[in-house]
Amino acid sequence: MEIAVATVKQNKDSAVKQRIQDIQMLISWREIAHTYFSKSASWLYHKLDGIDGNGGVGGFTEEEKIMLREALCEVSNRIRAAADRI
């Protein structure tokens, strides 16, 4: 059983925060967490910091990374549409 748990943890990506560093202060991560994941802001911050809710190793699963990518693309499309209306 411990082997399966370790394998799942190894498949999580904790380097996402580094990849989004240039937009980190521009985005409402609380809104992203609530709207796209139905989770709390602290859940998303823990994911970005690469820890799980218990302080252990965490990060994003492949499915969560896809969801985050789609959320950021949707936000960028909304920003572009708003800019086009100016």
PDB file of N, CA and C in Angstrom:
ATOM      1  N   MET A   1       0.828  -1.193   0.000  1.00  0.00           N
ATOM      2  CA  MET A   1       0.000   0.000   0.000  1.00  0.00           C
ATOM      3  C   MET A   1       0.871   1.255   0.000  1.00  0.00           C
ATOM      4  N   GLU A   2       1.960   1.235   0.733  1.00  0.00           N
ATOM      5  CA  GLU A   2       2.832   2.405   0.793  1.00  0.00           C
ATOM      6  C   GLU A   2       3.462   2.702  -0.562  1.00  0.00           C
ATOM      7  N   ILE A   3       3.718   1.687  -1.348  1.00  0.00           N
ATOM      8  CA  ILE A   3       4.315   1.884  -2.667  1.00  0.00           C
ATOM      9  C   ILE A   3       3.373   2.667  -3.568  1.00  0.00           C
ATOM     10  N   ALA A   4       2.090   2.345  -3.524  1.00  0.00           N
ATOM     11  CA  ALA A   4       1.108   3.050  -4.352  1.00  0.00           C
ATOM     12  C   ALA A   4       1.027   4.516  -3.969  1.00  0.00           C
ATOM     13  N   VAL A   5       1.047   4.807  -2.683  1.00  0.00           N
ATOM     14  CA  VAL A   5       0.979   6.192  -2.217  1.00  0.00           C
ATOM     15  C   VAL A   5       2.211   6.956  -2.680  1.00  0.00           C
ATOM     16  N   ALA A   6       3.373   6.356  -2.570  1.00  0.00           N
ATOM     17  CA  ALA A   6       4.605   7.016  -2.998  1.00  0.00           C
ATOM     18  C   ALA A   6       4.581   7.286  -4.500  1.00  0.00           C
ATOM     19  N   THR A   7       4.044   6.362  -5.269  1.00  0.00           N
ATOM     20  CA  THR A   7       3.961   6.542  -6.714  1.00  0.00           C
ATOM     21  C   THR A   7       3.066   7.707  -7.071  1.00  0.00           C
ATOM     22  N   VAL A   8       1.938   7.837  -6.402  1.00  0.00           N
ATOM     23  CA  VAL A   8       1.023   8.944  -6.660  1.00  0.00           C
ATOM     24  C   VAL A   8       1.706  10.260  -6.348  1.00  0.00           C
ATOM     25  N   LYS A   9       2.428  10.335  -5.245  1.00  0.00           N
ATOM     26  CA  LYS A   9       3.100  11.577  -4.883  1.00  0.00           C
ATOM     27  C   LYS A   9       4.185  11.936  -5.893  1.00  0.00           C
ATOM     28  N   GLN A  10       4.875  10.950  -6.455  1.00  0.00           N
ATOM     29  CA  GLN A  10       5.915  11.228  -7.429  1.00  0.00           C
ATOM     30  C   GLN A  10       5.343  11.801  -8.715  1.00  0.00           C
ATOM     31  N   ASN A  11       4.099  11.515  -9.008  1.00  0.00           N
ATOM     32  CA  ASN A  11       3.475  12.005 -10.229  1.00  0.00           C
ATOM     33  C   ASN A  11       2.948  13.425 -10.095  1.00  0.00           C
ATOM     34  N   LYS A  12       3.096  14.045  -8.949  1.00  0.00           N
ATOM     35  CA  LYS A  12       2.625  15.408  -8.756  1.00  0.00           C
ATOM     36  C   LYS A  12       3.737  16.388  -9.087  1.00  0.00           C
ATOM     37  N   ASP A  13       3.362  17.490  -9.686  1.00  0.00           N
ATOM     38  CA  ASP A  13       4.320  18.495 -10.142  1.00  0.00           C
ATOM     39  C   ASP A  13       4.290  19.673  -9.184  1.00  0.00           C
ATOM     40  N   SER A  14       5.396  19.902  -8.500  1.00  0.00           N
ATOM     41  CA  SER A  14       5.468  20.999  -7.542  1.00  0.00           C
ATOM     42  C   SER A  14       6.212  22.211  -8.104  1.00  0.00           C
ATOM     43  N   ALA A  15       6.540  22.206  -9.388  1.00  0.00           N
ATOM     44  CA  ALA A  15       7.284  23.310  -9.995  1.00  0.00           C
ATOM     45  C   ALA A  15       6.386  24.272 -10.761  1.00  0.00           C
ATOM     46  N   VAL A  16       5.082  24.124 -10.621  1.00  0.00           N
ATOM     47  CA  VAL A  16       4.147  24.978 -11.355  1.00  0.00           C
ATOM     48  C   VAL A  16       4.324  26.437 -10.951  1.00  0.00           C
ATOM     49  N   LYS A  17       4.547  26.685  -9.683  1.00  0.00           N
ATOM     50  CA  LYS A  17       4.687  28.061  -9.193  1.00  0.00           C
ATOM     51  C   LYS A  17       5.815  28.798  -9.919  1.00  0.00           C
ATOM     52  N   GLN A  18       6.900  28.119 -10.180  1.00  0.00           N
ATOM     53  CA  GLN A  18       8.021  28.741 -10.897  1.00  0.00           C
ATOM     54  C   GLN A  18       7.626  29.110 -12.323  1.00  0.00           C
ATOM     55  N   ARG A  19       6.791  28.289 -12.935  1.00  0.00           N
ATOM     56  CA  ARG A  19       6.402  28.520 -14.326  1.00  0.00           C
ATOM     57  C   ARG A  19       5.428  29.680 -14.484  1.00  0.00           C
ATOM     58  N   ILE A  20       4.718  30.032 -13.420  1.00  0.00           N
ATOM     59  CA  ILE A  20       3.731  31.117 -13.502  1.00  0.00           C
ATOM     60  C   ILE A  20       4.189  32.358 -12.747  1.00  0.00           C
ATOM     61  N   GLN A  21       5.453  32.416 -12.408  1.00  0.00           N
ATOM     62  CA  GLN A  21       5.989  33.496 -11.586  1.00  0.00           C
ATOM     63  C   GLN A  21       5.694  34.885 -12.153  1.00  0.00           C
ATOM     64  N   ASP A  22       5.755  35.064 -13.455  1.00  0.00           N
ATOM     65  CA  ASP A  22       5.579  36.392 -14.040  1.00  0.00           C
ATOM     66  C   ASP A  22       4.144  36.908 -13.956  1.00  0.00           C
ATOM     67  N   ILE A  23       3.164  36.053 -13.701  1.00  0.00           N
ATOM     68  CA  ILE A  23       1.770  36.514 -13.574  1.00  0.00           C
ATOM     69  C   ILE A  23       1.223  36.325 -12.165  1.00  0.00           C
ATOM     70  N   GLN A  24       2.052  35.848 -11.273  1.00  0.00           N
ATOM     71  CA  GLN A  24       1.590  35.468  -9.940  1.00  0.00           C
ATOM     72  C   GLN A  24       0.852  36.591  -9.209  1.00  0.00           C
ATOM     73  N   MET A  25       1.302  37.809  -9.332  1.00  0.00           N
ATOM     74  CA  MET A  25       0.680  38.917  -8.609  1.00  0.00           C
ATOM     75  C   MET A  25      -0.492  39.532  -9.378  1.00  0.00           C
ATOM     76  N   LEU A  26      -0.720  39.121 -10.608  1.00  0.00           N
ATOM     77  CA  LEU A  26      -1.785  39.692 -11.432  1.00  0.00           C
ATOM     78  C   LEU A  26      -3.103  38.936 -11.334  1.00  0.00           C
ATOM     79  N   ILE A  27      -3.063  37.721 -10.856  1.00  0.00           N
ATOM     80  CA  ILE A  27      -4.224  36.835 -10.878  1.00  0.00           C
ATOM     81  C   ILE A  27      -4.836  36.723  -9.488  1.00  0.00           C
ATOM     82  N   SER A  28      -6.161  36.679  -9.432  1.00  0.00           N
ATOM     83  CA  SER A  28      -6.846  36.382  -8.177  1.00  0.00           C
ATOM     84  C   SER A  28      -6.907  34.865  -8.032  1.00  0.00           C
ATOM     85  N   TRP A  29      -5.947  34.316  -7.305  1.00  0.00           N
ATOM     86  CA  TRP A  29      -5.877  32.868  -7.140  1.00  0.00           C
ATOM     87  C   TRP A  29      -7.061  32.346  -6.340  1.00  0.00           C
ATOM     88  N   ARG A  30      -7.639  33.181  -5.496  1.00  0.00           N
ATOM     89  CA  ARG A  30      -8.841  32.793  -4.764  1.00  0.00           C
ATOM     90  C   ARG A  30      -9.973  32.525  -5.741  1.00  0.00           C
ATOM     91  N   GLU A  31     -10.119  33.409  -6.727  1.00  0.00           N
ATOM     92  CA  GLU A  31     -11.168  33.227  -7.733  1.00  0.00           C
ATOM     93  C   GLU A  31     -10.901  32.004  -8.607  1.00  0.00           C
ATOM     94  N   ILE A  32      -9.649  31.789  -8.969  1.00  0.00           N
ATOM     95  CA  ILE A  32      -9.300  30.599  -9.757  1.00  0.00           C
ATOM     96  C   ILE A  32      -9.654  29.341  -8.964  1.00  0.00           C
ATOM     97  N   ALA A  33      -9.259  29.303  -7.693  1.00  0.00           N
ATOM     98  CA  ALA A  33      -9.529  28.127  -6.854  1.00  0.00           C
ATOM     99  C   ALA A  33     -11.020  27.870  -6.733  1.00  0.00           C
ATOM    100  N   HIS A  34     -11.776  28.931  -6.477  1.00  0.00           N
ATOM    101  CA  HIS A  34     -13.216  28.785  -6.263  1.00  0.00           C
ATOM    102  C   HIS A  34     -13.949  28.457  -7.563  1.00  0.00           C
ATOM    103  N   THR A  35     -13.691  29.224  -8.609  1.00  0.00           N
ATOM    104  CA  THR A  35     -14.440  29.099  -9.860  1.00  0.00           C
ATOM    105  C   THR A  35     -14.104  27.832 -10.634  1.00  0.00           C
ATOM    106  N   TYR A  36     -12.844  27.501 -10.718  1.00  0.00           N
ATOM    107  CA  TYR A  36     -12.432  26.410 -11.599  1.00  0.00           C
ATOM    108  C   TYR A  36     -12.183  25.081 -10.882  1.00  0.00           C
ATOM    109  N   PHE A  37     -11.891  25.136  -9.577  1.00  0.00           N
ATOM    110  CA  PHE A  37     -11.613  23.906  -8.842  1.00  0.00           C
ATOM    111  C   PHE A  37     -12.638  23.623  -7.740  1.00  0.00           C
ATOM    112  N   SER A  38     -13.489  24.595  -7.429  1.00  0.00           N
ATOM    113  CA  SER A  38     -14.425  24.486  -6.302  1.00  0.00           C
ATOM    114  C   SER A  38     -13.673  24.157  -5.011  1.00  0.00           C
ATOM    115  N   LYS A  39     -12.540  24.808  -4.836  1.00  0.00           N
ATOM    116  CA  LYS A  39     -11.686  24.612  -3.663  1.00  0.00           C
ATOM    117  C   LYS A  39     -11.380  25.969  -3.047  1.00  0.00           C
ATOM    118  N   SER A  40     -10.768  25.934  -1.874  1.00  0.00           N
ATOM    119  CA  SER A  40     -10.402  27.172  -1.187  1.00  0.00           C
ATOM    120  C   SER A  40      -9.097  27.729  -1.753  1.00  0.00           C
ATOM    121  N   ALA A  41      -8.868  28.999  -1.461  1.00  0.00           N
ATOM    122  CA  ALA A  41      -7.617  29.629  -1.888  1.00  0.00           C
ATOM    123  C   ALA A  41      -6.426  28.930  -1.247  1.00  0.00           C
ATOM    124  N   SER A  42      -6.559  28.540   0.015  1.00  0.00           N
ATOM    125  CA  SER A  42      -5.434  27.880   0.685  1.00  0.00           C
ATOM    126  C   SER A  42      -5.089  26.554   0.011  1.00  0.00           C
ATOM    127  N   TRP A  43      -6.101  25.852  -0.497  1.00  0.00           N
ATOM    128  CA  TRP A  43      -5.838  24.608  -1.227  1.00  0.00           C
ATOM    129  C   TRP A  43      -4.943  24.894  -2.435  1.00  0.00           C
ATOM    130  N   LEU A  44      -5.285  25.942  -3.191  1.00  0.00           N
ATOM    131  CA  LEU A  44      -4.504  26.274  -4.379  1.00  0.00           C
ATOM    132  C   LEU A  44      -3.110  26.769  -4.005  1.00  0.00           C
ATOM    133  N   TYR A  45      -3.004  27.582  -2.964  1.00  0.00           N
ATOM    134  CA  TYR A  45      -1.685  28.054  -2.533  1.00  0.00           C
ATOM    135  C   TYR A  45      -0.804  26.885  -2.104  1.00  0.00           C
ATOM    136  N   HIS A  46      -1.387  25.906  -1.400  1.00  0.00           N
ATOM    137  CA  HIS A  46      -0.619  24.714  -1.027  1.00  0.00           C
ATOM    138  C   HIS A  46      -0.144  23.973  -2.275  1.00  0.00           C
ATOM    139  N   LYS A  47      -1.026  23.836  -3.256  1.00  0.00           N
ATOM    140  CA  LYS A  47      -0.643  23.177  -4.506  1.00  0.00           C
ATOM    141  C   LYS A  47       0.511  23.931  -5.167  1.00  0.00           C
ATOM    142  N   LEU A  48       0.410  25.258  -5.225  1.00  0.00           N
ATOM    143  CA  LEU A  48       1.458  26.070  -5.846  1.00  0.00           C
ATOM    144  C   LEU A  48       2.780  25.957  -5.094  1.00  0.00           C
ATOM    145  N   ASP A  49       2.693  25.805  -3.773  1.00  0.00           N
ATOM    146  CA  ASP A  49       3.900  25.679  -2.957  1.00  0.00           C
ATOM    147  C   ASP A  49       4.442  24.255  -2.916  1.00  0.00           C
ATOM    148  N   GLY A  50       3.718  23.308  -3.535  1.00  0.00           N
ATOM    149  CA  GLY A  50       4.198  21.933  -3.601  1.00  0.00           C
ATOM    150  C   GLY A  50       4.023  21.147  -2.325  1.00  0.00           C
ATOM    151  N   ILE A  51       3.026  21.530  -1.519  1.00  0.00           N
ATOM    152  CA  ILE A  51       2.754  20.787  -0.287  1.00  0.00           C
ATOM    153  C   ILE A  51       1.305  20.328  -0.286  1.00  0.00           C
ATOM    154  N   ASP A  52       1.054  19.251   0.454  1.00  0.00           N
ATOM    155  CA  ASP A  52      -0.334  18.825   0.584  1.00  0.00           C
ATOM    156  C   ASP A  52      -0.925  19.460   1.837  1.00  0.00           C
ATOM    157  N   GLY A  53      -2.166  19.203   2.124  1.00  0.00           N
ATOM    158  CA  GLY A  53      -2.838  19.818   3.265  1.00  0.00           C
ATOM    159  C   GLY A  53      -2.242  19.461   4.608  1.00  0.00           C
ATOM    160  N   ASN A  54      -1.443  18.390   4.660  1.00  0.00           N
ATOM    161  CA  ASN A  54      -0.836  17.957   5.914  1.00  0.00           C
ATOM    162  C   ASN A  54       0.628  18.362   6.024  1.00  0.00           C
ATOM    163  N   GLY A  55       1.092  19.184   5.114  1.00  0.00           N
ATOM    164  CA  GLY A  55       2.470  19.644   5.159  1.00  0.00           C
ATOM    165  C   GLY A  55       3.455  18.735   4.451  1.00  0.00           C
ATOM    166  N   GLY A  56       2.971  17.657   3.862  1.00  0.00           N
ATOM    167  CA  GLY A  56       3.845  16.739   3.130  1.00  0.00           C
ATOM    168  C   GLY A  56       4.060  17.201   1.703  1.00  0.00           C
ATOM    169  N   VAL A  57       4.705  16.363   0.926  1.00  0.00           N
ATOM    170  CA  VAL A  57       4.961  16.668  -0.478  1.00  0.00           C
ATOM    171  C   VAL A  57       3.648  16.620  -1.241  1.00  0.00           C
ATOM    172  N   GLY A  58       3.406  17.636  -2.012  1.00  0.00           N
ATOM    173  CA  GLY A  58       2.179  17.708  -2.795  1.00  0.00           C
ATOM    174  C   GLY A  58       2.484  18.221  -4.179  1.00  0.00           C
ATOM    175  N   GLY A  59       1.600  19.009  -4.713  1.00  0.00           N
ATOM    176  CA  GLY A  59       1.771  19.541  -6.055  1.00  0.00           C
ATOM    177  C   GLY A  59       0.554  19.222  -6.880  1.00  0.00           C
ATOM    178  N   PHE A  60       0.642  19.485  -8.155  1.00  0.00           N
ATOM    179  CA  PHE A  60      -0.477  19.296  -9.064  1.00  0.00           C
ATOM    180  C   PHE A  60      -0.395  17.942  -9.756  1.00  0.00           C
ATOM    181  N   THR A  61      -1.525  17.270  -9.844  1.00  0.00           N
ATOM    182  CA  THR A  61      -1.612  16.076 -10.674  1.00  0.00           C
ATOM    183  C   THR A  61      -1.690  16.536 -12.127  1.00  0.00           C
ATOM    184  N   GLU A  62      -1.539  15.624 -13.056  1.00  0.00           N
ATOM    185  CA  GLU A  62      -1.651  15.979 -14.472  1.00  0.00           C
ATOM    186  C   GLU A  62      -3.031  16.561 -14.774  1.00  0.00           C
ATOM    187  N   GLU A  63      -4.065  15.980 -14.193  1.00  0.00           N
ATOM    188  CA  GLU A  63      -5.428  16.475 -14.409  1.00  0.00           C
ATOM    189  C   GLU A  63      -5.585  17.893 -13.870  1.00  0.00           C
ATOM    190  N   GLU A  64      -5.027  18.161 -12.695  1.00  0.00           N
ATOM    191  CA  GLU A  64      -5.109  19.502 -12.113  1.00  0.00           C
ATOM    192  C   GLU A  64      -4.321  20.509 -12.936  1.00  0.00           C
ATOM    193  N   LYS A  65      -3.190  20.099 -13.493  1.00  0.00           N
ATOM    194  CA  LYS A  65      -2.419  21.005 -14.348  1.00  0.00           C
ATOM    195  C   LYS A  65      -3.205  21.362 -15.602  1.00  0.00           C
ATOM    196  N   ILE A  66      -3.906  20.405 -16.162  1.00  0.00           N
ATOM    197  CA  ILE A  66      -4.741  20.680 -17.334  1.00  0.00           C
ATOM    198  C   ILE A  66      -5.847  21.654 -16.963  1.00  0.00           C
ATOM    199  N   MET A  67      -6.473  21.439 -15.804  1.00  0.00           N
ATOM    200  CA  MET A  67      -7.541  22.338 -15.356  1.00  0.00           C
ATOM    201  C   MET A  67      -7.002  23.744 -15.138  1.00  0.00           C
ATOM    202  N   LEU A  68      -5.829  23.870 -14.527  1.00  0.00           N
ATOM    203  CA  LEU A  68      -5.229  25.183 -14.290  1.00  0.00           C
ATOM    204  C   LEU A  68      -4.877  25.848 -15.617  1.00  0.00           C
ATOM    205  N   ARG A  69      -4.313  25.100 -16.529  1.00  0.00           N
ATOM    206  CA  ARG A  69      -3.970  25.639 -17.852  1.00  0.00           C
ATOM    207  C   ARG A  69      -5.217  26.171 -18.551  1.00  0.00           C
ATOM    208  N   GLU A  70      -6.300  25.402 -18.517  1.00  0.00           N
ATOM    209  CA  GLU A  70      -7.549  25.832 -19.149  1.00  0.00           C
ATOM    210  C   GLU A  70      -8.129  27.061 -18.457  1.00  0.00           C
ATOM    211  N   ALA A  71      -8.036  27.112 -17.134  1.00  0.00           N
ATOM    212  CA  ALA A  71      -8.530  28.274 -16.394  1.00  0.00           C
ATOM    213  C   ALA A  71      -7.755  29.526 -16.784  1.00  0.00           C
ATOM    214  N   LEU A  72      -6.429  29.427 -16.838  1.00  0.00           N
ATOM    215  CA  LEU A  72      -5.613  30.586 -17.200  1.00  0.00           C
ATOM    216  C   LEU A  72      -5.863  31.015 -18.642  1.00  0.00           C
ATOM    217  N   CYS A  73      -6.078  30.060 -19.531  1.00  0.00           N
ATOM    218  CA  CYS A  73      -6.404  30.405 -20.921  1.00  0.00           C
ATOM    219  C   CYS A  73      -7.745  31.118 -21.001  1.00  0.00           C
ATOM    220  N   GLU A  74      -8.718  30.656 -20.232  1.00  0.00           N
ATOM    221  CA  GLU A  74     -10.021  31.323 -20.235  1.00  0.00           C
ATOM    222  C   GLU A  74      -9.915  32.746 -19.692  1.00  0.00           C
ATOM    223  N   VAL A  75      -9.157  32.922 -18.613  1.00  0.00           N
ATOM    224  CA  VAL A  75      -8.961  34.262 -18.054  1.00  0.00           C
ATOM    225  C   VAL A  75      -8.251  35.149 -19.073  1.00  0.00           C
ATOM    226  N   SER A  76      -7.244  34.615 -19.750  1.00  0.00           N
ATOM    227  CA  SER A  76      -6.531  35.429 -20.744  1.00  0.00           C
ATOM    228  C   SER A  76      -7.452  35.811 -21.900  1.00  0.00           C
ATOM    229  N   ASN A  77      -8.333  34.912 -22.307  1.00  0.00           N
ATOM    230  CA  ASN A  77      -9.303  35.239 -23.361  1.00  0.00           C
ATOM    231  C   ASN A  77     -10.266  36.324 -22.905  1.00  0.00           C
ATOM    232  N   ARG A  78     -10.677  36.269 -21.649  1.00  0.00           N
ATOM    233  CA  ARG A  78     -11.580  37.289 -21.114  1.00  0.00           C
ATOM    234  C   ARG A  78     -10.882  38.643 -21.031  1.00  0.00           C
ATOM    235  N   ILE A  79      -9.611  38.647 -20.659  1.00  0.00           N
ATOM    236  CA  ILE A  79      -8.847  39.899 -20.601  1.00  0.00           C
ATOM    237  C   ILE A  79      -8.691  40.478 -22.006  1.00  0.00           C
ATOM    238  N   ARG A  80      -8.364  39.631 -22.973  1.00  0.00           N
ATOM    239  CA  ARG A  80      -8.210  40.094 -24.357  1.00  0.00           C
ATOM    240  C   ARG A  80      -9.526  40.655 -24.886  1.00  0.00           C
ATOM    241  N   ALA A  81     -10.640  39.993 -24.596  1.00  0.00           N
ATOM    242  CA  ALA A  81     -11.954  40.471 -25.051  1.00  0.00           C
ATOM    243  C   ALA A  81     -12.280  41.816 -24.412  1.00  0.00           C
ATOM    244  N   ALA A  82     -11.960  41.978 -23.130  1.00  0.00           N
ATOM    245  CA  ALA A  82     -12.198  43.256 -22.460  1.00  0.00           C
ATOM    246  C   ALA A  82     -11.335  44.352 -23.081  1.00  0.00           C
ATOM    247  N   ALA A  83     -10.083  44.031 -23.393  1.00  0.00           N
ATOM    248  CA  ALA A  83      -9.191  45.009 -24.023  1.00  0.00           C
ATOM    249  C   ALA A  83      -9.708  45.403 -25.400  1.00  0.00           C
ATOM    250  N   ASP A  84     -10.239  44.444 -26.131  1.00  0.00           N
ATOM    251  CA  ASP A  84     -10.777  44.728 -27.466  1.00  0.00           C
ATOM    252  C   ASP A  84     -12.000  45.640 -27.409  1.00  0.00           C
ATOM    253  N   ARG A  85     -12.722  45.624 -26.306  1.00  0.00           N
ATOM    254  CA  ARG A  85     -13.914  46.469 -26.168  1.00  0.00           C
ATOM    255  C   ARG A  85     -13.574  47.908 -25.802  1.00  0.00           C
ATOM    256  N   ILE A  86     -12.337  48.180 -25.458  1.00  0.00           N
ATOM    257  CA  ILE A  86     -11.943  49.537 -25.054  1.00  0.00           C
ATOM    258  C   ILE A  86     -11.818  50.422 -26.279  1.00  0.00           C
TER     259      ILE A  86
END
